[in-house]
Amino acid sequence: MYGVRLSAIEIDRTRIYLAFGDGAETMRVELLHGMADEHAVMDIKQRLWHETGITARISGW
């Protein structure tokens, strides 16, 4: 498959990191999320998996 694809998702206490790439080059985007509890993070992890097929890695919780 050609083009830039989402390759990884990571969620920590303050940010969601999205990694995009095409094999030769990778870009990482950081988004502030403002979630305060672990239940909200797990809900977002499930939604991201459902929408993208990528399992988010949770760190720092």
N, C-alpha and C. Protein backbone atom coordinates (compact mmCIF):
# COMPACT_ATOMS: atom_id res chain seq x y z
N MET A 1 0.84 -1.17 0.00
CA MET A 1 0.00 0.00 0.00
C MET A 1 0.90 1.24 0.00
N TYR A 2 0.52 2.24 -0.75
CA TYR A 2 1.33 3.44 -0.89
C TYR A 2 0.75 4.59 -0.07
N GLY A 3 1.60 5.57 0.24
CA GLY A 3 1.16 6.75 0.96
C GLY A 3 1.58 6.73 2.41
N VAL A 4 1.26 7.81 3.09
CA VAL A 4 1.58 7.96 4.50
C VAL A 4 0.47 7.32 5.32
N ARG A 5 0.88 6.50 6.30
CA ARG A 5 -0.09 5.80 7.13
C ARG A 5 0.23 6.02 8.60
N LEU A 6 -0.81 5.96 9.43
CA LEU A 6 -0.64 5.99 10.87
C LEU A 6 0.03 4.69 11.28
N SER A 7 1.15 4.79 12.00
CA SER A 7 1.89 3.59 12.37
C SER A 7 1.91 3.30 13.86
N ALA A 8 1.71 4.33 14.71
CA ALA A 8 1.76 4.11 16.16
C ALA A 8 1.02 5.23 16.88
N ILE A 9 0.47 4.86 18.05
CA ILE A 9 -0.20 5.83 18.93
C ILE A 9 0.31 5.58 20.34
N GLU A 10 0.65 6.66 21.04
CA GLU A 10 1.07 6.57 22.44
C GLU A 10 0.32 7.63 23.22
N ILE A 11 -0.14 7.26 24.42
CA ILE A 11 -0.85 8.20 25.29
C ILE A 11 -0.13 8.25 26.62
N ASP A 12 0.25 9.46 27.05
CA ASP A 12 0.81 9.62 28.39
C ASP A 12 -0.10 10.57 29.18
N ARG A 13 0.37 11.07 30.30
CA ARG A 13 -0.49 11.88 31.17
C ARG A 13 -0.90 13.23 30.58
N THR A 14 -0.16 13.74 29.62
CA THR A 14 -0.49 15.06 29.06
C THR A 14 -0.72 15.08 27.56
N ARG A 15 -0.21 14.08 26.83
CA ARG A 15 -0.25 14.15 25.37
C ARG A 15 -0.64 12.82 24.72
N ILE A 16 -1.14 12.95 23.50
CA ILE A 16 -1.31 11.81 22.60
C ILE A 16 -0.30 12.01 21.47
N TYR A 17 0.50 10.99 21.21
CA TYR A 17 1.51 11.04 20.15
C TYR A 17 1.05 10.15 19.00
N LEU A 18 1.03 10.71 17.80
CA LEU A 18 0.67 9.97 16.60
C LEU A 18 1.89 9.90 15.70
N ALA A 19 2.27 8.71 15.28
CA ALA A 19 3.40 8.54 14.37
C ALA A 19 2.87 8.14 13.00
N PHE A 20 3.28 8.89 11.98
CA PHE A 20 2.89 8.63 10.60
C PHE A 20 4.14 8.33 9.80
N GLY A 21 4.02 7.48 8.81
CA GLY A 21 5.18 7.22 7.97
C GLY A 21 4.85 6.39 6.75
N ASP A 22 5.83 6.34 5.86
CA ASP A 22 5.69 5.55 4.63
C ASP A 22 6.82 4.55 4.47
N GLY A 23 7.52 4.26 5.53
CA GLY A 23 8.65 3.33 5.46
C GLY A 23 9.99 4.03 5.36
N ALA A 24 10.07 5.07 4.56
CA ALA A 24 11.32 5.80 4.38
C ALA A 24 11.43 6.98 5.34
N GLU A 25 10.29 7.53 5.75
CA GLU A 25 10.28 8.73 6.58
C GLU A 25 9.13 8.63 7.58
N THR A 26 9.36 9.12 8.80
CA THR A 26 8.35 9.11 9.85
C THR A 26 8.20 10.50 10.45
N MET A 27 6.95 10.89 10.73
CA MET A 27 6.67 12.16 11.39
C MET A 27 5.85 11.85 12.65
N ARG A 28 6.14 12.58 13.72
CA ARG A 28 5.44 12.38 14.99
C ARG A 28 4.71 13.67 15.35
N VAL A 29 3.42 13.55 15.67
CA VAL A 29 2.59 14.69 16.05
C VAL A 29 2.22 14.53 17.51
N GLU A 30 2.33 15.62 18.29
CA GLU A 30 1.97 15.61 19.71
C GLU A 30 0.72 16.46 19.90
N LEU A 31 -0.28 15.89 20.58
CA LEU A 31 -1.53 16.59 20.86
C LEU A 31 -1.76 16.62 22.37
N LEU A 32 -2.04 17.78 22.95
CA LEU A 32 -2.42 17.86 24.36
C LEU A 32 -3.83 17.32 24.51
N HIS A 33 -4.08 16.49 25.55
CA HIS A 33 -5.41 15.88 25.65
C HIS A 33 -6.23 16.33 26.85
N GLY A 34 -5.69 16.64 27.99
CA GLY A 34 -6.45 17.12 29.13
C GLY A 34 -7.26 16.06 29.87
N MET A 35 -7.04 14.78 29.60
CA MET A 35 -7.77 13.72 30.32
C MET A 35 -7.15 13.55 31.70
N ALA A 36 -8.01 13.43 32.71
CA ALA A 36 -7.52 13.40 34.08
C ALA A 36 -7.59 12.02 34.73
N ASP A 37 -8.38 11.10 34.17
CA ASP A 37 -8.49 9.80 34.83
C ASP A 37 -8.22 8.66 33.85
N GLU A 38 -7.85 7.53 34.41
CA GLU A 38 -7.45 6.37 33.62
C GLU A 38 -8.61 5.80 32.81
N HIS A 39 -9.83 5.90 33.34
CA HIS A 39 -11.00 5.39 32.62
C HIS A 39 -11.18 6.13 31.29
N ALA A 40 -11.01 7.44 31.29
CA ALA A 40 -11.13 8.22 30.05
C ALA A 40 -10.05 7.82 29.05
N VAL A 41 -8.85 7.57 29.53
CA VAL A 41 -7.75 7.16 28.66
C VAL A 41 -8.06 5.80 28.03
N MET A 42 -8.56 4.86 28.82
CA MET A 42 -8.89 3.54 28.27
C MET A 42 -10.03 3.63 27.26
N ASP A 43 -10.98 4.54 27.48
CA ASP A 43 -12.06 4.75 26.52
C ASP A 43 -11.51 5.27 25.19
N ILE A 44 -10.61 6.23 25.25
CA ILE A 44 -9.99 6.77 24.04
C ILE A 44 -9.15 5.71 23.35
N LYS A 45 -8.42 4.90 24.13
CA LYS A 45 -7.63 3.81 23.54
C LYS A 45 -8.52 2.88 22.74
N GLN A 46 -9.68 2.52 23.29
CA GLN A 46 -10.62 1.63 22.60
C GLN A 46 -11.18 2.29 21.34
N ARG A 47 -11.53 3.56 21.42
CA ARG A 47 -12.05 4.29 20.25
C ARG A 47 -11.01 4.38 19.14
N LEU A 48 -9.77 4.69 19.50
CA LEU A 48 -8.70 4.77 18.50
C LEU A 48 -8.47 3.42 17.83
N TRP A 49 -8.50 2.34 18.60
CA TRP A 49 -8.34 1.01 18.01
C TRP A 49 -9.49 0.71 17.05
N HIS A 50 -10.71 1.05 17.45
CA HIS A 50 -11.88 0.79 16.61
C HIS A 50 -11.81 1.57 15.30
N GLU A 51 -11.38 2.82 15.37
CA GLU A 51 -11.34 3.69 14.18
C GLU A 51 -10.13 3.45 13.29
N THR A 52 -8.99 3.06 13.87
CA THR A 52 -7.75 2.99 13.09
C THR A 52 -7.16 1.59 12.96
N GLY A 53 -7.52 0.69 13.88
CA GLY A 53 -6.90 -0.63 13.90
C GLY A 53 -5.54 -0.64 14.58
N ILE A 54 -5.12 0.50 15.11
CA ILE A 54 -3.83 0.62 15.82
C ILE A 54 -4.10 0.60 17.33
N THR A 55 -3.39 -0.25 18.06
CA THR A 55 -3.52 -0.29 19.51
C THR A 55 -2.60 0.75 20.12
N ALA A 56 -3.18 1.68 20.88
CA ALA A 56 -2.39 2.74 21.52
C ALA A 56 -1.59 2.16 22.68
N ARG A 57 -0.37 2.64 22.83
CA ARG A 57 0.48 2.27 23.97
C ARG A 57 0.25 3.31 25.06
N ILE A 58 -0.06 2.87 26.27
CA ILE A 58 -0.31 3.75 27.40
C ILE A 58 0.95 3.79 28.26
N SER A 59 1.40 5.00 28.62
CA SER A 59 2.58 5.11 29.49
C SER A 59 2.35 6.18 30.55
N GLY A 60 2.85 5.93 31.74
CA GLY A 60 2.78 6.91 32.81
C GLY A 60 1.50 6.92 33.60
N TRP A 61 0.62 5.98 33.40
CA TRP A 61 -0.62 5.91 34.16
C TRP A 61 -0.44 4.83 35.17
